[in-house]
Amino acid sequence: MIWVGTAVVVVKTVILLLGSGITYIAYKAYRRTGASSLRTLGIGFGVITLGSLLAGVADQLLSVSLEMGVLINSVLVAIGFAIIMYSLYLERT
């Protein structure tokens, strides 16, 4: 089952790279346009990316239980999605 640990690290790294890229692009768009909805969108993706990073660190370096790692990731993903939903609401108003 060593391959599962390696697969988790690889997938978390891909999520970190993609999430960071999306966050950076949203930030650049915000700087270019000044639209607060784009800033909030970037924050939402940043929180989701942070959740993935923290869950990976907790699993690999802090040796927390799988359940706790999933909980950390899930809470931050839920918060990130709420922020993204709010950013889309801002765009409509």
PDB file of N, CA and C in Angstrom:
ATOM      1  N   MET A   1       0.805  -1.197   0.000  1.00  0.00           N
ATOM      2  CA  MET A   1       0.000   0.000   0.000  1.00  0.00           C
ATOM      3  C   MET A   1       0.849   1.262   0.000  1.00  0.00           C
ATOM      4  N   ILE A   2       2.146   1.141  -0.192  1.00  0.00           N
ATOM      5  CA  ILE A   2       3.022   2.316  -0.265  1.00  0.00           C
ATOM      6  C   ILE A   2       2.640   3.196  -1.440  1.00  0.00           C
ATOM      7  N   TRP A   3       2.146   2.582  -2.510  1.00  0.00           N
ATOM      8  CA  TRP A   3       1.797   3.364  -3.693  1.00  0.00           C
ATOM      9  C   TRP A   3       0.656   4.333  -3.417  1.00  0.00           C
ATOM     10  N   VAL A   4      -0.206   4.035  -2.452  1.00  0.00           N
ATOM     11  CA  VAL A   4      -1.304   4.939  -2.119  1.00  0.00           C
ATOM     12  C   VAL A   4      -0.752   6.225  -1.522  1.00  0.00           C
ATOM     13  N   GLY A   5       0.209   6.126  -0.647  1.00  0.00           N
ATOM     14  CA  GLY A   5       0.836   7.315  -0.073  1.00  0.00           C
ATOM     15  C   GLY A   5       1.508   8.171  -1.135  1.00  0.00           C
ATOM     16  N   THR A   6       2.184   7.511  -2.064  1.00  0.00           N
ATOM     17  CA  THR A   6       2.830   8.232  -3.164  1.00  0.00           C
ATOM     18  C   THR A   6       1.781   8.892  -4.053  1.00  0.00           C
ATOM     19  N   ALA A   7       0.703   8.177  -4.325  1.00  0.00           N
ATOM     20  CA  ALA A   7      -0.364   8.738  -5.155  1.00  0.00           C
ATOM     21  C   ALA A   7      -0.993   9.960  -4.490  1.00  0.00           C
ATOM     22  N   VAL A   8      -1.183   9.920  -3.180  1.00  0.00           N
ATOM     23  CA  VAL A   8      -1.742  11.061  -2.453  1.00  0.00           C
ATOM     24  C   VAL A   8      -0.821  12.273  -2.592  1.00  0.00           C
ATOM     25  N   VAL A   9       0.471  12.063  -2.442  1.00  0.00           N
ATOM     26  CA  VAL A   9       1.426  13.169  -2.568  1.00  0.00           C
ATOM     27  C   VAL A   9       1.389  13.745  -3.979  1.00  0.00           C
ATOM     28  N   VAL A  10       1.345  12.889  -4.987  1.00  0.00           N
ATOM     29  CA  VAL A  10       1.305  13.355  -6.378  1.00  0.00           C
ATOM     30  C   VAL A  10       0.028  14.148  -6.644  1.00  0.00           C
ATOM     31  N   VAL A  11      -1.114  13.620  -6.226  1.00  0.00           N
ATOM     32  CA  VAL A  11      -2.384  14.296  -6.474  1.00  0.00           C
ATOM     33  C   VAL A  11      -2.453  15.617  -5.710  1.00  0.00           C
ATOM     34  N   LYS A  12      -2.015  15.632  -4.465  1.00  0.00           N
ATOM     35  CA  LYS A  12      -2.007  16.877  -3.688  1.00  0.00           C
ATOM     36  C   LYS A  12      -1.083  17.915  -4.320  1.00  0.00           C
ATOM     37  N   THR A  13       0.031  17.478  -4.889  1.00  0.00           N
ATOM     38  CA  THR A  13       0.938  18.398  -5.576  1.00  0.00           C
ATOM     39  C   THR A  13       0.275  18.981  -6.815  1.00  0.00           C
ATOM     40  N   VAL A  14      -0.406  18.158  -7.580  1.00  0.00           N
ATOM     41  CA  VAL A  14      -1.123  18.653  -8.764  1.00  0.00           C
ATOM     42  C   VAL A  14      -2.203  19.650  -8.347  1.00  0.00           C
ATOM     43  N   ILE A  15      -2.953  19.339  -7.293  1.00  0.00           N
ATOM     44  CA  ILE A  15      -3.978  20.251  -6.798  1.00  0.00           C
ATOM     45  C   ILE A  15      -3.346  21.566  -6.352  1.00  0.00           C
ATOM     46  N   LEU A  16      -2.225  21.494  -5.674  1.00  0.00           N
ATOM     47  CA  LEU A  16      -1.532  22.705  -5.230  1.00  0.00           C
ATOM     48  C   LEU A  16      -1.106  23.561  -6.424  1.00  0.00           C
ATOM     49  N   LEU A  17      -0.551  22.946  -7.448  1.00  0.00           N
ATOM     50  CA  LEU A  17      -0.105  23.693  -8.626  1.00  0.00           C
ATOM     51  C   LEU A  17      -1.287  24.302  -9.380  1.00  0.00           C
ATOM     52  N   LEU A  18      -2.327  23.515  -9.623  1.00  0.00           N
ATOM     53  CA  LEU A  18      -3.490  24.024 -10.349  1.00  0.00           C
ATOM     54  C   LEU A  18      -4.225  25.097  -9.542  1.00  0.00           C
ATOM     55  N   GLY A  19      -4.429  24.844  -8.278  1.00  0.00           N
ATOM     56  CA  GLY A  19      -5.108  25.821  -7.427  1.00  0.00           C
ATOM     57  C   GLY A  19      -4.339  27.121  -7.312  1.00  0.00           C
ATOM     58  N   SER A  20      -3.018  27.009  -7.204  1.00  0.00           N
ATOM     59  CA  SER A  20      -2.181  28.217  -7.152  1.00  0.00           C
ATOM     60  C   SER A  20      -2.266  28.986  -8.465  1.00  0.00           C
ATOM     61  N   GLY A  21      -2.286  28.262  -9.569  1.00  0.00           N
ATOM     62  CA  GLY A  21      -2.405  28.902 -10.876  1.00  0.00           C
ATOM     63  C   GLY A  21      -3.721  29.644 -11.025  1.00  0.00           C
ATOM     64  N   ILE A  22      -4.817  29.009 -10.633  1.00  0.00           N
ATOM     65  CA  ILE A  22      -6.128  29.653 -10.706  1.00  0.00           C
ATOM     66  C   ILE A  22      -6.174  30.884  -9.800  1.00  0.00           C
ATOM     67  N   THR A  23      -5.634  30.754  -8.601  1.00  0.00           N
ATOM     68  CA  THR A  23      -5.613  31.875  -7.667  1.00  0.00           C
ATOM     69  C   THR A  23      -4.812  33.033  -8.244  1.00  0.00           C
ATOM     70  N   TYR A  24      -3.667  32.742  -8.833  1.00  0.00           N
ATOM     71  CA  TYR A  24      -2.813  33.775  -9.428  1.00  0.00           C
ATOM     72  C   TYR A  24      -3.511  34.465 -10.597  1.00  0.00           C
ATOM     73  N   ILE A  25      -4.160  33.687 -11.464  1.00  0.00           N
ATOM     74  CA  ILE A  25      -4.868  34.266 -12.609  1.00  0.00           C
ATOM     75  C   ILE A  25      -6.017  35.159 -12.131  1.00  0.00           C
ATOM     76  N   ALA A  26      -6.757  34.716 -11.120  1.00  0.00           N
ATOM     77  CA  ALA A  26      -7.839  35.539 -10.576  1.00  0.00           C
ATOM     78  C   ALA A  26      -7.287  36.825  -9.977  1.00  0.00           C
ATOM     79  N   TYR A  27      -6.144  36.737  -9.304  1.00  0.00           N
ATOM     80  CA  TYR A  27      -5.524  37.929  -8.726  1.00  0.00           C
ATOM     81  C   TYR A  27      -5.081  38.902  -9.828  1.00  0.00           C
ATOM     82  N   LYS A  28      -4.478  38.371 -10.879  1.00  0.00           N
ATOM     83  CA  LYS A  28      -4.065  39.231 -11.997  1.00  0.00           C
ATOM     84  C   LYS A  28      -5.277  39.907 -12.634  1.00  0.00           C
ATOM     85  N   ALA A  29      -6.360  39.169 -12.800  1.00  0.00           N
ATOM     86  CA  ALA A  29      -7.580  39.747 -13.364  1.00  0.00           C
ATOM     87  C   ALA A  29      -8.134  40.840 -12.451  1.00  0.00           C
ATOM     88  N   TYR A  30      -8.073  40.604 -11.149  1.00  0.00           N
ATOM     89  CA  TYR A  30      -8.518  41.620 -10.194  1.00  0.00           C
ATOM     90  C   TYR A  30      -7.672  42.879 -10.312  1.00  0.00           C
ATOM     91  N   ARG A  31      -6.361  42.706 -10.378  1.00  0.00           N
ATOM     92  CA  ARG A  31      -5.461  43.866 -10.486  1.00  0.00           C
ATOM     93  C   ARG A  31      -5.720  44.641 -11.772  1.00  0.00           C
ATOM     94  N   ARG A  32      -6.039  43.938 -12.831  1.00  0.00           N
ATOM     95  CA  ARG A  32      -6.277  44.582 -14.119  1.00  0.00           C
ATOM     96  C   ARG A  32      -7.619  45.322 -14.137  1.00  0.00           C
ATOM     97  N   THR A  33      -8.646  44.711 -13.532  1.00  0.00           N
ATOM     98  CA  THR A  33      -9.993  45.277 -13.627  1.00  0.00           C
ATOM     99  C   THR A  33     -10.446  46.010 -12.377  1.00  0.00           C
ATOM    100  N   GLY A  34      -9.896  45.638 -11.232  1.00  0.00           N
ATOM    101  CA  GLY A  34     -10.338  46.219  -9.970  1.00  0.00           C
ATOM    102  C   GLY A  34     -11.663  45.668  -9.468  1.00  0.00           C
ATOM    103  N   ALA A  35     -12.174  44.610 -10.106  1.00  0.00           N
ATOM    104  CA  ALA A  35     -13.461  44.018  -9.720  1.00  0.00           C
ATOM    105  C   ALA A  35     -13.308  43.227  -8.417  1.00  0.00           C
ATOM    106  N   SER A  36     -14.062  43.653  -7.409  1.00  0.00           N
ATOM    107  CA  SER A  36     -13.947  42.976  -6.109  1.00  0.00           C
ATOM    108  C   SER A  36     -14.388  41.518  -6.191  1.00  0.00           C
ATOM    109  N   SER A  37     -15.275  41.191  -7.136  1.00  0.00           N
ATOM    110  CA  SER A  37     -15.710  39.802  -7.264  1.00  0.00           C
ATOM    111  C   SER A  37     -14.547  38.898  -7.686  1.00  0.00           C
ATOM    112  N   LEU A  38     -13.636  39.415  -8.504  1.00  0.00           N
ATOM    113  CA  LEU A  38     -12.467  38.619  -8.901  1.00  0.00           C
ATOM    114  C   LEU A  38     -11.499  38.434  -7.737  1.00  0.00           C
ATOM    115  N   ARG A  39     -11.364  39.455  -6.893  1.00  0.00           N
ATOM    116  CA  ARG A  39     -10.520  39.308  -5.703  1.00  0.00           C
ATOM    117  C   ARG A  39     -11.103  38.233  -4.793  1.00  0.00           C
ATOM    118  N   THR A  40     -12.415  38.269  -4.593  1.00  0.00           N
ATOM    119  CA  THR A  40     -13.069  37.289  -3.733  1.00  0.00           C
ATOM    120  C   THR A  40     -12.994  35.895  -4.339  1.00  0.00           C
ATOM    121  N   LEU A  41     -13.134  35.796  -5.650  1.00  0.00           N
ATOM    122  CA  LEU A  41     -12.990  34.514  -6.329  1.00  0.00           C
ATOM    123  C   LEU A  41     -11.598  33.928  -6.088  1.00  0.00           C
ATOM    124  N   GLY A  42     -10.575  34.752  -6.211  1.00  0.00           N
ATOM    125  CA  GLY A  42      -9.205  34.300  -5.953  1.00  0.00           C
ATOM    126  C   GLY A  42      -9.016  33.832  -4.524  1.00  0.00           C
ATOM    127  N   ILE A  43      -9.609  34.547  -3.587  1.00  0.00           N
ATOM    128  CA  ILE A  43      -9.523  34.140  -2.177  1.00  0.00           C
ATOM    129  C   ILE A  43     -10.186  32.782  -1.982  1.00  0.00           C
ATOM    130  N   GLY A  44     -11.335  32.576  -2.610  1.00  0.00           N
ATOM    131  CA  GLY A  44     -12.033  31.293  -2.492  1.00  0.00           C
ATOM    132  C   GLY A  44     -11.194  30.133  -3.002  1.00  0.00           C
ATOM    133  N   PHE A  45     -10.599  30.310  -4.188  1.00  0.00           N
ATOM    134  CA  PHE A  45      -9.732  29.250  -4.710  1.00  0.00           C
ATOM    135  C   PHE A  45      -8.483  29.081  -3.856  1.00  0.00           C
ATOM    136  N   GLY A  46      -7.996  30.177  -3.300  1.00  0.00           N
ATOM    137  CA  GLY A  46      -6.845  30.084  -2.405  1.00  0.00           C
ATOM    138  C   GLY A  46      -7.155  29.273  -1.158  1.00  0.00           C
ATOM    139  N   VAL A  47      -8.339  29.456  -0.603  1.00  0.00           N
ATOM    140  CA  VAL A  47      -8.739  28.698   0.593  1.00  0.00           C
ATOM    141  C   VAL A  47      -8.872  27.215   0.264  1.00  0.00           C
ATOM    142  N   ILE A  48      -9.456  26.898  -0.885  1.00  0.00           N
ATOM    143  CA  ILE A  48      -9.567  25.494  -1.295  1.00  0.00           C
ATOM    144  C   ILE A  48      -8.184  24.873  -1.467  1.00  0.00           C
ATOM    145  N   THR A  49      -7.288  25.613  -2.103  1.00  0.00           N
ATOM    146  CA  THR A  49      -5.921  25.131  -2.302  1.00  0.00           C
ATOM    147  C   THR A  49      -5.216  24.955  -0.964  1.00  0.00           C
ATOM    148  N   LEU A  50      -5.404  25.909  -0.064  1.00  0.00           N
ATOM    149  CA  LEU A  50      -4.814  25.818   1.269  1.00  0.00           C
ATOM    150  C   LEU A  50      -5.331  24.582   2.003  1.00  0.00           C
ATOM    151  N   GLY A  51      -6.619  24.274   1.840  1.00  0.00           N
ATOM    152  CA  GLY A  51      -7.182  23.079   2.478  1.00  0.00           C
ATOM    153  C   GLY A  51      -6.505  21.814   2.003  1.00  0.00           C
ATOM    154  N   SER A  52      -6.260  21.738   0.716  1.00  0.00           N
ATOM    155  CA  SER A  52      -5.571  20.573   0.172  1.00  0.00           C
ATOM    156  C   SER A  52      -4.143  20.487   0.703  1.00  0.00           C
ATOM    157  N   LEU A  53      -3.479  21.624   0.733  1.00  0.00           N
ATOM    158  CA  LEU A  53      -2.096  21.651   1.239  1.00  0.00           C
ATOM    159  C   LEU A  53      -2.037  21.243   2.707  1.00  0.00           C
ATOM    160  N   LEU A  54      -2.904  21.827   3.522  1.00  0.00           N
ATOM    161  CA  LEU A  54      -2.886  21.506   4.954  1.00  0.00           C
ATOM    162  C   LEU A  54      -3.239  20.047   5.225  1.00  0.00           C
ATOM    163  N   ALA A  55      -4.186  19.510   4.469  1.00  0.00           N
ATOM    164  CA  ALA A  55      -4.538  18.098   4.641  1.00  0.00           C
ATOM    165  C   ALA A  55      -3.358  17.207   4.265  1.00  0.00           C
ATOM    166  N   GLY A  56      -2.660  17.558   3.195  1.00  0.00           N
ATOM    167  CA  GLY A  56      -1.485  16.783   2.793  1.00  0.00           C
ATOM    168  C   GLY A  56      -0.365  16.859   3.817  1.00  0.00           C
ATOM    169  N   VAL A  57      -0.127  18.063   4.329  1.00  0.00           N
ATOM    170  CA  VAL A  57       0.916  18.235   5.359  1.00  0.00           C
ATOM    171  C   VAL A  57       0.533  17.475   6.622  1.00  0.00           C
ATOM    172  N   ALA A  58      -0.727  17.571   7.019  1.00  0.00           N
ATOM    173  CA  ALA A  58      -1.175  16.863   8.219  1.00  0.00           C
ATOM    174  C   ALA A  58      -0.992  15.365   8.062  1.00  0.00           C
ATOM    175  N   ASP A  59      -1.288  14.855   6.874  1.00  0.00           N
ATOM    176  CA  ASP A  59      -1.173  13.418   6.623  1.00  0.00           C
ATOM    177  C   ASP A  59       0.288  12.969   6.574  1.00  0.00           C
ATOM    178  N   GLN A  60       1.113  13.687   5.829  1.00  0.00           N
ATOM    179  CA  GLN A  60       2.483  13.248   5.585  1.00  0.00           C
ATOM    180  C   GLN A  60       3.458  13.622   6.694  1.00  0.00           C
ATOM    181  N   LEU A  61       3.337  14.812   7.251  1.00  0.00           N
ATOM    182  CA  LEU A  61       4.337  15.289   8.209  1.00  0.00           C
ATOM    183  C   LEU A  61       3.892  15.195   9.663  1.00  0.00           C
ATOM    184  N   LEU A  62       2.611  15.381   9.913  1.00  0.00           N
ATOM    185  CA  LEU A  62       2.135  15.388  11.296  1.00  0.00           C
ATOM    186  C   LEU A  62       1.526  14.067  11.724  1.00  0.00           C
ATOM    187  N   SER A  63       1.376  13.153  10.789  1.00  0.00           N
ATOM    188  CA  SER A  63       0.844  11.819  11.065  1.00  0.00           C
ATOM    189  C   SER A  63      -0.504  11.844  11.777  1.00  0.00           C
ATOM    190  N   VAL A  64      -1.378  12.753  11.360  1.00  0.00           N
ATOM    191  CA  VAL A  64      -2.727  12.738  11.919  1.00  0.00           C
ATOM    192  C   VAL A  64      -3.525  11.636  11.235  1.00  0.00           C
ATOM    193  N   SER A  65      -4.651  11.310  11.815  1.00  0.00           N
ATOM    194  CA  SER A  65      -5.468  10.227  11.250  1.00  0.00           C
ATOM    195  C   SER A  65      -6.041  10.645   9.899  1.00  0.00           C
ATOM    196  N   LEU A  66      -6.399   9.647   9.113  1.00  0.00           N
ATOM    197  CA  LEU A  66      -7.006   9.898   7.815  1.00  0.00           C
ATOM    198  C   LEU A  66      -8.290  10.707   7.976  1.00  0.00           C
ATOM    199  N   GLU A  67      -9.080  10.372   8.980  1.00  0.00           N
ATOM    200  CA  GLU A  67     -10.336  11.080   9.209  1.00  0.00           C
ATOM    201  C   GLU A  67     -10.105  12.557   9.485  1.00  0.00           C
ATOM    202  N   MET A  68      -9.087  12.879  10.286  1.00  0.00           N
ATOM    203  CA  MET A  68      -8.790  14.277  10.603  1.00  0.00           C
ATOM    204  C   MET A  68      -8.299  15.018   9.360  1.00  0.00           C
ATOM    205  N   GLY A  69      -7.491  14.368   8.545  1.00  0.00           N
ATOM    206  CA  GLY A  69      -7.025  14.977   7.300  1.00  0.00           C
ATOM    207  C   GLY A  69      -8.171  15.273   6.352  1.00  0.00           C
ATOM    208  N   VAL A  70      -9.101  14.323   6.252  1.00  0.00           N
ATOM    209  CA  VAL A  70     -10.282  14.525   5.401  1.00  0.00           C
ATOM    210  C   VAL A  70     -11.140  15.658   5.966  1.00  0.00           C
ATOM    211  N   LEU A  71     -11.275  15.723   7.280  1.00  0.00           N
ATOM    212  CA  LEU A  71     -12.056  16.783   7.907  1.00  0.00           C
ATOM    213  C   LEU A  71     -11.444  18.156   7.635  1.00  0.00           C
ATOM    214  N   ILE A  72     -10.138  18.280   7.799  1.00  0.00           N
ATOM    215  CA  ILE A  72      -9.450  19.545   7.526  1.00  0.00           C
ATOM    216  C   ILE A  72      -9.700  19.975   6.088  1.00  0.00           C
ATOM    217  N   ASN A  73      -9.484  19.053   5.171  1.00  0.00           N
ATOM    218  CA  ASN A  73      -9.676  19.353   3.753  1.00  0.00           C
ATOM    219  C   ASN A  73     -11.131  19.730   3.465  1.00  0.00           C
ATOM    220  N   SER A  74     -12.062  18.981   3.997  1.00  0.00           N
ATOM    221  CA  SER A  74     -13.481  19.211   3.717  1.00  0.00           C
ATOM    222  C   SER A  74     -13.963  20.552   4.259  1.00  0.00           C
ATOM    223  N   VAL A  75     -13.548  20.904   5.455  1.00  0.00           N
ATOM    224  CA  VAL A  75     -13.964  22.188   6.039  1.00  0.00           C
ATOM    225  C   VAL A  75     -13.449  23.346   5.191  1.00  0.00           C
ATOM    226  N   LEU A  76     -12.184  23.293   4.799  1.00  0.00           N
ATOM    227  CA  LEU A  76     -11.628  24.392   4.008  1.00  0.00           C
ATOM    228  C   LEU A  76     -12.192  24.418   2.583  1.00  0.00           C
ATOM    229  N   VAL A  77     -12.498  23.272   2.020  1.00  0.00           N
ATOM    230  CA  VAL A  77     -13.139  23.249   0.701  1.00  0.00           C
ATOM    231  C   VAL A  77     -14.546  23.859   0.806  1.00  0.00           C
ATOM    232  N   ALA A  78     -15.289  23.524   1.843  1.00  0.00           N
ATOM    233  CA  ALA A  78     -16.626  24.095   2.026  1.00  0.00           C
ATOM    234  C   ALA A  78     -16.546  25.611   2.194  1.00  0.00           C
ATOM    235  N   ILE A  79     -15.598  26.085   2.988  1.00  0.00           N
ATOM    236  CA  ILE A  79     -15.425  27.534   3.162  1.00  0.00           C
ATOM    237  C   ILE A  79     -15.046  28.184   1.832  1.00  0.00           C
ATOM    238  N   GLY A  80     -14.131  27.548   1.106  1.00  0.00           N
ATOM    239  CA  GLY A  80     -13.709  28.085  -0.188  1.00  0.00           C
ATOM    240  C   GLY A  80     -14.857  28.159  -1.170  1.00  0.00           C
ATOM    241  N   PHE A  81     -15.694  27.128  -1.229  1.00  0.00           N
ATOM    242  CA  PHE A  81     -16.845  27.153  -2.127  1.00  0.00           C
ATOM    243  C   PHE A  81     -17.848  28.224  -1.713  1.00  0.00           C
ATOM    244  N   ALA A  82     -18.022  28.428  -0.415  1.00  0.00           N
ATOM    245  CA  ALA A  82     -18.916  29.501   0.050  1.00  0.00           C
ATOM    246  C   ALA A  82     -18.387  30.866  -0.401  1.00  0.00           C
ATOM    247  N   ILE A  83     -17.084  31.052  -0.324  1.00  0.00           N
ATOM    248  CA  ILE A  83     -16.474  32.308  -0.774  1.00  0.00           C
ATOM    249  C   ILE A  83     -16.649  32.473  -2.279  1.00  0.00           C
ATOM    250  N   ILE A  84     -16.454  31.393  -3.034  1.00  0.00           N
ATOM    251  CA  ILE A  84     -16.639  31.456  -4.486  1.00  0.00           C
ATOM    252  C   ILE A  84     -18.093  31.783  -4.821  1.00  0.00           C
ATOM    253  N   MET A  85     -19.033  31.167  -4.113  1.00  0.00           N
ATOM    254  CA  MET A  85     -20.440  31.468  -4.351  1.00  0.00           C
ATOM    255  C   MET A  85     -20.714  32.947  -4.067  1.00  0.00           C
ATOM    256  N   TYR A  86     -20.156  33.450  -2.994  1.00  0.00           N
ATOM    257  CA  TYR A  86     -20.323  34.867  -2.668  1.00  0.00           C
ATOM    258  C   TYR A  86     -19.728  35.751  -3.758  1.00  0.00           C
ATOM    259  N   SER A  87     -18.582  35.362  -4.305  1.00  0.00           N
ATOM    260  CA  SER A  87     -17.966  36.167  -5.367  1.00  0.00           C
ATOM    261  C   SER A  87     -18.865  36.196  -6.599  1.00  0.00           C
ATOM    262  N   LEU A  88     -19.544  35.113  -6.880  1.00  0.00           N
ATOM    263  CA  LEU A  88     -20.471  35.086  -8.005  1.00  0.00           C
ATOM    264  C   LEU A  88     -21.709  35.930  -7.708  1.00  0.00           C
ATOM    265  N   TYR A  89     -22.113  35.963  -6.467  1.00  0.00           N
ATOM    266  CA  TYR A  89     -23.226  36.825  -6.053  1.00  0.00           C
ATOM    267  C   TYR A  89     -22.829  38.287  -6.219  1.00  0.00           C
ATOM    268  N   LEU A  90     -21.598  38.640  -5.847  1.00  0.00           N
ATOM    269  CA  LEU A  90     -21.119  40.011  -5.999  1.00  0.00           C
ATOM    270  C   LEU A  90     -21.181  40.461  -7.440  1.00  0.00           C
ATOM    271  N   GLU A  91     -20.881  39.542  -8.348  1.00  0.00           N
ATOM    272  CA  GLU A  91     -20.894  39.877  -9.764  1.00  0.00           C
ATOM    273  C   GLU A  91     -22.297  40.248 -10.234  1.00  0.00           C
ATOM    274  N   ARG A  92     -23.308  39.632  -9.634  1.00  0.00           N
ATOM    275  CA  ARG A  92     -24.691  39.872 -10.069  1.00  0.00           C
ATOM    276  C   ARG A  92     -25.235  41.182  -9.527  1.00  0.00           C
ATOM    277  N   THR A  93     -24.699  41.689  -8.414  1.00  0.00           N
ATOM    278  CA  THR A  93     -25.253  42.905  -7.827  1.00  0.00           C
ATOM    279  C   THR A  93     -24.605  44.146  -8.350  1.00  0.00           C
TER     280      THR A  93
END
